[in-house]
Amino acid sequence: MPYHKDKQQAFQAAQQGYEQAIKSNGVALESSADPDFATKEQMFNQELNEALQQIDNALEVASEHQRAQLRQYQEDLYNLRKDLL
């Protein structure tokens, strides 16, 4: 049972990191004319990197169903990063 719990906890941490990165991206985009934009963009980049790391960690123990969702999260975040460049 502990292994299953670890898989679920890893997935939930990755999911939370993904949601925080998406939220942080929205805040950064809303404030593009704001003098603090650079700070908010930097925060988004940090959230993005943390989310991608959590996803990588979760992929190590994920079930097949979780793996598919995690790969989608990963793709979404890579697309956000690419759009910013």
PDB file of N, CA and C in Angstrom:
ATOM      1  N   MET A   1       0.802  -1.209   0.000  1.00  0.00           N
ATOM      2  CA  MET A   1       0.000   0.000   0.000  1.00  0.00           C
ATOM      3  C   MET A   1       0.848   1.280   0.000  1.00  0.00           C
ATOM      4  N   PRO A   2       1.994   1.311   0.694  1.00  0.00           N
ATOM      5  CA  PRO A   2       2.777   2.546   0.679  1.00  0.00           C
ATOM      6  C   PRO A   2       3.199   2.956  -0.736  1.00  0.00           C
ATOM      7  N   TYR A   3       3.499   1.981  -1.593  1.00  0.00           N
ATOM      8  CA  TYR A   3       3.908   2.306  -2.958  1.00  0.00           C
ATOM      9  C   TYR A   3       2.772   3.023  -3.685  1.00  0.00           C
ATOM     10  N   HIS A   4       1.544   2.531  -3.543  1.00  0.00           N
ATOM     11  CA  HIS A   4       0.387   3.162  -4.170  1.00  0.00           C
ATOM     12  C   HIS A   4       0.216   4.579  -3.638  1.00  0.00           C
ATOM     13  N   LYS A   5       0.393   4.745  -2.344  1.00  0.00           N
ATOM     14  CA  LYS A   5       0.262   6.067  -1.733  1.00  0.00           C
ATOM     15  C   LYS A   5       1.332   7.007  -2.290  1.00  0.00           C
ATOM     16  N   ASP A   6       2.550   6.513  -2.465  1.00  0.00           N
ATOM     17  CA  ASP A   6       3.623   7.331  -3.025  1.00  0.00           C
ATOM     18  C   ASP A   6       3.291   7.756  -4.450  1.00  0.00           C
ATOM     19  N   LYS A   7       2.735   6.855  -5.237  1.00  0.00           N
ATOM     20  CA  LYS A   7       2.339   7.195  -6.612  1.00  0.00           C
ATOM     21  C   LYS A   7       1.298   8.302  -6.602  1.00  0.00           C
ATOM     22  N   GLN A   8       0.312   8.155  -5.731  1.00  0.00           N
ATOM     23  CA  GLN A   8      -0.762   9.140  -5.658  1.00  0.00           C
ATOM     24  C   GLN A   8      -0.239  10.480  -5.165  1.00  0.00           C
ATOM     25  N   GLN A   9       0.611  10.464  -4.163  1.00  0.00           N
ATOM     26  CA  GLN A   9       1.166  11.704  -3.637  1.00  0.00           C
ATOM     27  C   GLN A   9       2.032  12.400  -4.691  1.00  0.00           C
ATOM     28  N   ALA A  10       2.828  11.625  -5.421  1.00  0.00           N
ATOM     29  CA  ALA A  10       3.678  12.204  -6.465  1.00  0.00           C
ATOM     30  C   ALA A  10       2.817  12.813  -7.558  1.00  0.00           C
ATOM     31  N   PHE A  11       1.749  12.119  -7.937  1.00  0.00           N
ATOM     32  CA  PHE A  11       0.854  12.634  -8.966  1.00  0.00           C
ATOM     33  C   PHE A  11       0.184  13.922  -8.495  1.00  0.00           C
ATOM     34  N   GLN A  12      -0.290  13.927  -7.266  1.00  0.00           N
ATOM     35  CA  GLN A  12      -0.960  15.117  -6.734  1.00  0.00           C
ATOM     36  C   GLN A  12      -0.010  16.306  -6.645  1.00  0.00           C
ATOM     37  N   ALA A  13       1.238  16.067  -6.268  1.00  0.00           N
ATOM     38  CA  ALA A  13       2.222  17.156  -6.205  1.00  0.00           C
ATOM     39  C   ALA A  13       2.477  17.702  -7.609  1.00  0.00           C
ATOM     40  N   ALA A  14       2.587  16.818  -8.591  1.00  0.00           N
ATOM     41  CA  ALA A  14       2.802  17.254  -9.975  1.00  0.00           C
ATOM     42  C   ALA A  14       1.596  18.032 -10.480  1.00  0.00           C
ATOM     43  N   GLN A  15       0.407  17.551 -10.162  1.00  0.00           N
ATOM     44  CA  GLN A  15      -0.819  18.220 -10.587  1.00  0.00           C
ATOM     45  C   GLN A  15      -0.908  19.614  -9.953  1.00  0.00           C
ATOM     46  N   GLN A  16      -0.586  19.714  -8.690  1.00  0.00           N
ATOM     47  CA  GLN A  16      -0.618  21.007  -7.999  1.00  0.00           C
ATOM     48  C   GLN A  16       0.429  21.952  -8.598  1.00  0.00           C
ATOM     49  N   GLY A  17       1.611  21.442  -8.878  1.00  0.00           N
ATOM     50  CA  GLY A  17       2.648  22.265  -9.488  1.00  0.00           C
ATOM     51  C   GLY A  17       2.232  22.771 -10.855  1.00  0.00           C
ATOM     52  N   TYR A  18       1.583  21.906 -11.621  1.00  0.00           N
ATOM     53  CA  TYR A  18       1.077  22.289 -12.944  1.00  0.00           C
ATOM     54  C   TYR A  18       0.062  23.419 -12.812  1.00  0.00           C
ATOM     55  N   GLU A  19      -0.888  23.247 -11.902  1.00  0.00           N
ATOM     56  CA  GLU A  19      -1.932  24.262 -11.717  1.00  0.00           C
ATOM     57  C   GLU A  19      -1.345  25.591 -11.246  1.00  0.00           C
ATOM     58  N   GLN A  20      -0.343  25.548 -10.384  1.00  0.00           N
ATOM     59  CA  GLN A  20       0.288  26.777  -9.915  1.00  0.00           C
ATOM     60  C   GLN A  20       1.033  27.474 -11.056  1.00  0.00           C
ATOM     61  N   ALA A  21       1.695  26.699 -11.912  1.00  0.00           N
ATOM     62  CA  ALA A  21       2.410  27.288 -13.048  1.00  0.00           C
ATOM     63  C   ALA A  21       1.433  27.939 -14.015  1.00  0.00           C
ATOM     64  N   ILE A  22       0.304  27.286 -14.265  1.00  0.00           N
ATOM     65  CA  ILE A  22      -0.713  27.851 -15.158  1.00  0.00           C
ATOM     66  C   ILE A  22      -1.255  29.150 -14.566  1.00  0.00           C
ATOM     67  N   LYS A  23      -1.532  29.135 -13.272  1.00  0.00           N
ATOM     68  CA  LYS A  23      -2.039  30.338 -12.596  1.00  0.00           C
ATOM     69  C   LYS A  23      -0.996  31.452 -12.647  1.00  0.00           C
ATOM     70  N   SER A  24       0.247  31.126 -12.395  1.00  0.00           N
ATOM     71  CA  SER A  24       1.327  32.113 -12.421  1.00  0.00           C
ATOM     72  C   SER A  24       1.496  32.698 -13.812  1.00  0.00           C
ATOM     73  N   ASN A  25       1.316  31.880 -14.833  1.00  0.00           N
ATOM     74  CA  ASN A  25       1.386  32.371 -16.215  1.00  0.00           C
ATOM     75  C   ASN A  25       0.273  33.376 -16.467  1.00  0.00           C
ATOM     76  N   GLY A  26      -0.911  33.095 -15.995  1.00  0.00           N
ATOM     77  CA  GLY A  26      -2.035  34.013 -16.169  1.00  0.00           C
ATOM     78  C   GLY A  26      -1.775  35.347 -15.493  1.00  0.00           C
ATOM     79  N   VAL A  27      -1.217  35.313 -14.303  1.00  0.00           N
ATOM     80  CA  VAL A  27      -0.894  36.542 -13.577  1.00  0.00           C
ATOM     81  C   VAL A  27       0.155  37.339 -14.344  1.00  0.00           C
ATOM     82  N   ALA A  28       1.169  36.658 -14.856  1.00  0.00           N
ATOM     83  CA  ALA A  28       2.226  37.343 -15.609  1.00  0.00           C
ATOM     84  C   ALA A  28       1.660  37.969 -16.876  1.00  0.00           C
ATOM     85  N   LEU A  29       0.803  37.247 -17.578  1.00  0.00           N
ATOM     86  CA  LEU A  29       0.230  37.770 -18.816  1.00  0.00           C
ATOM     87  C   LEU A  29      -0.692  38.956 -18.566  1.00  0.00           C
ATOM     88  N   GLU A  30      -1.455  38.897 -17.481  1.00  0.00           N
ATOM     89  CA  GLU A  30      -2.369  39.995 -17.153  1.00  0.00           C
ATOM     90  C   GLU A  30      -1.618  41.277 -16.825  1.00  0.00           C
ATOM     91  N   SER A  31      -0.400  41.142 -16.369  1.00  0.00           N
ATOM     92  CA  SER A  31       0.350  42.309 -15.923  1.00  0.00           C
ATOM     93  C   SER A  31       1.483  42.675 -16.875  1.00  0.00           C
ATOM     94  N   SER A  32       1.335  42.367 -18.148  1.00  0.00           N
ATOM     95  CA  SER A  32       2.421  42.626 -19.097  1.00  0.00           C
ATOM     96  C   SER A  32       2.771  44.110 -19.209  1.00  0.00           C
ATOM     97  N   ALA A  33       1.833  45.003 -18.898  1.00  0.00           N
ATOM     98  CA  ALA A  33       2.110  46.440 -18.927  1.00  0.00           C
ATOM     99  C   ALA A  33       2.534  46.961 -17.558  1.00  0.00           C
ATOM    100  N   ASP A  34       2.480  46.114 -16.569  1.00  0.00           N
ATOM    101  CA  ASP A  34       2.809  46.471 -15.191  1.00  0.00           C
ATOM    102  C   ASP A  34       4.332  46.602 -15.027  1.00  0.00           C
ATOM    103  N   PRO A  35       4.788  47.582 -14.244  1.00  0.00           N
ATOM    104  CA  PRO A  35       6.229  47.714 -14.008  1.00  0.00           C
ATOM    105  C   PRO A  35       6.848  46.474 -13.338  1.00  0.00           C
ATOM    106  N   ASP A  36       6.024  45.687 -12.643  1.00  0.00           N
ATOM    107  CA  ASP A  36       6.504  44.474 -11.980  1.00  0.00           C
ATOM    108  C   ASP A  36       6.445  43.251 -12.892  1.00  0.00           C
ATOM    109  N   PHE A  37       6.233  43.451 -14.183  1.00  0.00           N
ATOM    110  CA  PHE A  37       6.092  42.335 -15.112  1.00  0.00           C
ATOM    111  C   PHE A  37       7.297  41.405 -15.069  1.00  0.00           C
ATOM    112  N   ALA A  38       8.490  41.967 -15.053  1.00  0.00           N
ATOM    113  CA  ALA A  38       9.701  41.130 -15.052  1.00  0.00           C
ATOM    114  C   ALA A  38       9.737  40.227 -13.821  1.00  0.00           C
ATOM    115  N   THR A  39       9.329  40.755 -12.685  1.00  0.00           N
ATOM    116  CA  THR A  39       9.291  39.959 -11.460  1.00  0.00           C
ATOM    117  C   THR A  39       8.267  38.846 -11.575  1.00  0.00           C
ATOM    118  N   LYS A  40       7.098  39.174 -12.113  1.00  0.00           N
ATOM    119  CA  LYS A  40       6.045  38.162 -12.258  1.00  0.00           C
ATOM    120  C   LYS A  40       6.435  37.119 -13.297  1.00  0.00           C
ATOM    121  N   GLU A  41       7.128  37.536 -14.334  1.00  0.00           N
ATOM    122  CA  GLU A  41       7.597  36.587 -15.340  1.00  0.00           C
ATOM    123  C   GLU A  41       8.651  35.659 -14.734  1.00  0.00           C
ATOM    124  N   GLN A  42       9.508  36.198 -13.900  1.00  0.00           N
ATOM    125  CA  GLN A  42      10.521  35.392 -13.235  1.00  0.00           C
ATOM    126  C   GLN A  42       9.858  34.376 -12.300  1.00  0.00           C
ATOM    127  N   MET A  43       8.824  34.813 -11.591  1.00  0.00           N
ATOM    128  CA  MET A  43       8.087  33.897 -10.716  1.00  0.00           C
ATOM    129  C   MET A  43       7.449  32.785 -11.531  1.00  0.00           C
ATOM    130  N   PHE A  44       6.893  33.130 -12.705  1.00  0.00           N
ATOM    131  CA  PHE A  44       6.307  32.115 -13.564  1.00  0.00           C
ATOM    132  C   PHE A  44       7.376  31.107 -13.982  1.00  0.00           C
ATOM    133  N   ASN A  45       8.539  31.592 -14.391  1.00  0.00           N
ATOM    134  CA  ASN A  45       9.606  30.679 -14.816  1.00  0.00           C
ATOM    135  C   ASN A  45      10.012  29.742 -13.690  1.00  0.00           C
ATOM    136  N   GLN A  46      10.059  30.251 -12.471  1.00  0.00           N
ATOM    137  CA  GLN A  46      10.380  29.410 -11.321  1.00  0.00           C
ATOM    138  C   GLN A  46       9.286  28.366 -11.103  1.00  0.00           C
ATOM    139  N   GLU A  47       8.031  28.793 -11.144  1.00  0.00           N
ATOM    140  CA  GLU A  47       6.910  27.856 -10.988  1.00  0.00           C
ATOM    141  C   GLU A  47       6.932  26.796 -12.083  1.00  0.00           C
ATOM    142  N   LEU A  48       7.221  27.223 -13.301  1.00  0.00           N
ATOM    143  CA  LEU A  48       7.280  26.308 -14.436  1.00  0.00           C
ATOM    144  C   LEU A  48       8.364  25.259 -14.225  1.00  0.00           C
ATOM    145  N   ASN A  49       9.548  25.687 -13.848  1.00  0.00           N
ATOM    146  CA  ASN A  49      10.650  24.747 -13.621  1.00  0.00           C
ATOM    147  C   ASN A  49      10.347  23.779 -12.484  1.00  0.00           C
ATOM    148  N   GLU A  50       9.742  24.271 -11.417  1.00  0.00           N
ATOM    149  CA  GLU A  50       9.371  23.408 -10.298  1.00  0.00           C
ATOM    150  C   GLU A  50       8.315  22.399 -10.721  1.00  0.00           C
ATOM    151  N   ALA A  51       7.331  22.840 -11.487  1.00  0.00           N
ATOM    152  CA  ALA A  51       6.272  21.938 -11.954  1.00  0.00           C
ATOM    153  C   ALA A  51       6.853  20.851 -12.848  1.00  0.00           C
ATOM    154  N   LEU A  52       7.735  21.231 -13.746  1.00  0.00           N
ATOM    155  CA  LEU A  52       8.352  20.235 -14.635  1.00  0.00           C
ATOM    156  C   LEU A  52       9.172  19.228 -13.840  1.00  0.00           C
ATOM    157  N   GLN A  53       9.844  19.674 -12.795  1.00  0.00           N
ATOM    158  CA  GLN A  53      10.611  18.752 -11.949  1.00  0.00           C
ATOM    159  C   GLN A  53       9.678  17.802 -11.203  1.00  0.00           C
ATOM    160  N   GLN A  54       8.567  18.330 -10.685  1.00  0.00           N
ATOM    161  CA  GLN A  54       7.595  17.477  -9.991  1.00  0.00           C
ATOM    162  C   GLN A  54       7.000  16.443 -10.948  1.00  0.00           C
ATOM    163  N   ILE A  55       6.758  16.853 -12.179  1.00  0.00           N
ATOM    164  CA  ILE A  55       6.219  15.926 -13.172  1.00  0.00           C
ATOM    165  C   ILE A  55       7.239  14.839 -13.464  1.00  0.00           C
ATOM    166  N   ASP A  56       8.500  15.217 -13.647  1.00  0.00           N
ATOM    167  CA  ASP A  56       9.549  14.214 -13.882  1.00  0.00           C
ATOM    168  C   ASP A  56       9.620  13.216 -12.729  1.00  0.00           C
ATOM    169  N   ASN A  57       9.546  13.726 -11.508  1.00  0.00           N
ATOM    170  CA  ASN A  57       9.582  12.841 -10.341  1.00  0.00           C
ATOM    171  C   ASN A  57       8.380  11.899 -10.324  1.00  0.00           C
ATOM    172  N   ALA A  58       7.211  12.419 -10.622  1.00  0.00           N
ATOM    173  CA  ALA A  58       5.993  11.605 -10.609  1.00  0.00           C
ATOM    174  C   ALA A  58       6.013  10.560 -11.716  1.00  0.00           C
ATOM    175  N   LEU A  59       6.603  10.888 -12.854  1.00  0.00           N
ATOM    176  CA  LEU A  59       6.665   9.936 -13.965  1.00  0.00           C
ATOM    177  C   LEU A  59       7.446   8.678 -13.595  1.00  0.00           C
ATOM    178  N   GLU A  60       8.360   8.797 -12.655  1.00  0.00           N
ATOM    179  CA  GLU A  60       9.163   7.640 -12.235  1.00  0.00           C
ATOM    180  C   GLU A  60       8.323   6.557 -11.576  1.00  0.00           C
ATOM    181  N   VAL A  61       7.210   6.929 -10.940  1.00  0.00           N
ATOM    182  CA  VAL A  61       6.404   5.952 -10.201  1.00  0.00           C
ATOM    183  C   VAL A  61       4.957   5.880 -10.687  1.00  0.00           C
ATOM    184  N   ALA A  62       4.612   6.611 -11.728  1.00  0.00           N
ATOM    185  CA  ALA A  62       3.217   6.755 -12.149  1.00  0.00           C
ATOM    186  C   ALA A  62       2.645   5.481 -12.770  1.00  0.00           C
ATOM    187  N   SER A  63       1.336   5.322 -12.602  1.00  0.00           N
ATOM    188  CA  SER A  63       0.603   4.272 -13.314  1.00  0.00           C
ATOM    189  C   SER A  63       0.448   4.717 -14.762  1.00  0.00           C
ATOM    190  N   GLU A  64      -0.028   3.840 -15.614  1.00  0.00           N
ATOM    191  CA  GLU A  64      -0.198   4.186 -17.034  1.00  0.00           C
ATOM    192  C   GLU A  64      -1.176   5.351 -17.212  1.00  0.00           C
ATOM    193  N   HIS A  65      -2.277   5.338 -16.471  1.00  0.00           N
ATOM    194  CA  HIS A  65      -3.259   6.417 -16.570  1.00  0.00           C
ATOM    195  C   HIS A  65      -2.636   7.736 -16.104  1.00  0.00           C
ATOM    196  N   GLN A  66      -1.933   7.702 -14.977  1.00  0.00           N
ATOM    197  CA  GLN A  66      -1.279   8.898 -14.473  1.00  0.00           C
ATOM    198  C   GLN A  66      -0.211   9.379 -15.446  1.00  0.00           C
ATOM    199  N   ARG A  67       0.523   8.448 -16.031  1.00  0.00           N
ATOM    200  CA  ARG A  67       1.598   8.786 -16.965  1.00  0.00           C
ATOM    201  C   ARG A  67       1.057   9.579 -18.154  1.00  0.00           C
ATOM    202  N   ALA A  68      -0.083   9.165 -18.677  1.00  0.00           N
ATOM    203  CA  ALA A  68      -0.686   9.878 -19.810  1.00  0.00           C
ATOM    204  C   ALA A  68      -1.047  11.312 -19.414  1.00  0.00           C
ATOM    205  N   GLN A  69      -1.617  11.486 -18.239  1.00  0.00           N
ATOM    206  CA  GLN A  69      -1.989  12.830 -17.775  1.00  0.00           C
ATOM    207  C   GLN A  69      -0.747  13.672 -17.511  1.00  0.00           C
ATOM    208  N   LEU A  70       0.261  13.074 -16.912  1.00  0.00           N
ATOM    209  CA  LEU A  70       1.499  13.800 -16.632  1.00  0.00           C
ATOM    210  C   LEU A  70       2.196  14.241 -17.914  1.00  0.00           C
ATOM    211  N   ARG A  71       2.180  13.389 -18.912  1.00  0.00           N
ATOM    212  CA  ARG A  71       2.786  13.759 -20.202  1.00  0.00           C
ATOM    213  C   ARG A  71       2.030  14.931 -20.832  1.00  0.00           C
ATOM    214  N   GLN A  72       0.711  14.961 -20.659  1.00  0.00           N
ATOM    215  CA  GLN A  72      -0.075  16.084 -21.175  1.00  0.00           C
ATOM    216  C   GLN A  72       0.281  17.374 -20.429  1.00  0.00           C
ATOM    217  N   TYR A  73       0.407  17.278 -19.107  1.00  0.00           N
ATOM    218  CA  TYR A  73       0.824  18.440 -18.323  1.00  0.00           C
ATOM    219  C   TYR A  73       2.188  18.935 -18.811  1.00  0.00           C
ATOM    220  N   GLN A  74       3.093  17.993 -19.018  1.00  0.00           N
ATOM    221  CA  GLN A  74       4.434  18.327 -19.465  1.00  0.00           C
ATOM    222  C   GLN A  74       4.400  19.042 -20.823  1.00  0.00           C
ATOM    223  N   GLU A  75       3.628  18.512 -21.735  1.00  0.00           N
ATOM    224  CA  GLU A  75       3.510  19.117 -23.059  1.00  0.00           C
ATOM    225  C   GLU A  75       2.924  20.527 -22.967  1.00  0.00           C
ATOM    226  N   ASP A  76       1.892  20.687 -22.147  1.00  0.00           N
ATOM    227  CA  ASP A  76       1.281  22.008 -21.969  1.00  0.00           C
ATOM    228  C   ASP A  76       2.302  23.021 -21.452  1.00  0.00           C
ATOM    229  N   LEU A  77       3.089  22.611 -20.469  1.00  0.00           N
ATOM    230  CA  LEU A  77       4.068  23.526 -19.885  1.00  0.00           C
ATOM    231  C   LEU A  77       5.193  23.846 -20.867  1.00  0.00           C
ATOM    232  N   TYR A  78       5.633  22.859 -21.623  1.00  0.00           N
ATOM    233  CA  TYR A  78       6.666  23.132 -22.636  1.00  0.00           C
ATOM    234  C   TYR A  78       6.137  24.098 -23.691  1.00  0.00           C
ATOM    235  N   ASN A  79       4.875  23.953 -24.050  1.00  0.00           N
ATOM    236  CA  ASN A  79       4.278  24.886 -25.012  1.00  0.00           C
ATOM    237  C   ASN A  79       4.205  26.305 -24.450  1.00  0.00           C
ATOM    238  N   LEU A  80       3.871  26.435 -23.168  1.00  0.00           N
ATOM    239  CA  LEU A  80       3.853  27.758 -22.543  1.00  0.00           C
ATOM    240  C   LEU A  80       5.247  28.374 -22.578  1.00  0.00           C
ATOM    241  N   ARG A  81       6.247  27.564 -22.253  1.00  0.00           N
ATOM    242  CA  ARG A  81       7.627  28.063 -22.257  1.00  0.00           C
ATOM    243  C   ARG A  81       8.013  28.509 -23.674  1.00  0.00           C
ATOM    244  N   LYS A  82       7.667  27.700 -24.655  1.00  0.00           N
ATOM    245  CA  LYS A  82       8.011  28.027 -26.048  1.00  0.00           C
ATOM    246  C   LYS A  82       7.315  29.306 -26.480  1.00  0.00           C
ATOM    247  N   ASP A  83       6.076  29.512 -26.060  1.00  0.00           N
ATOM    248  CA  ASP A  83       5.335  30.717 -26.417  1.00  0.00           C
ATOM    249  C   ASP A  83       5.966  31.974 -25.839  1.00  0.00           C
ATOM    250  N   LEU A  84       6.643  31.847 -24.703  1.00  0.00           N
ATOM    251  CA  LEU A  84       7.267  33.005 -24.073  1.00  0.00           C
ATOM    252  C   LEU A  84       8.571  33.416 -24.743  1.00  0.00           C
ATOM    253  N   LEU A  85       9.173  32.486 -25.449  1.00  0.00           N
ATOM    254  CA  LEU A  85      10.475  32.799 -26.085  1.00  0.00           C
ATOM    255  C   LEU A  85      10.316  33.554 -27.357  1.00  0.00           C
TER     256      LEU A  85
END
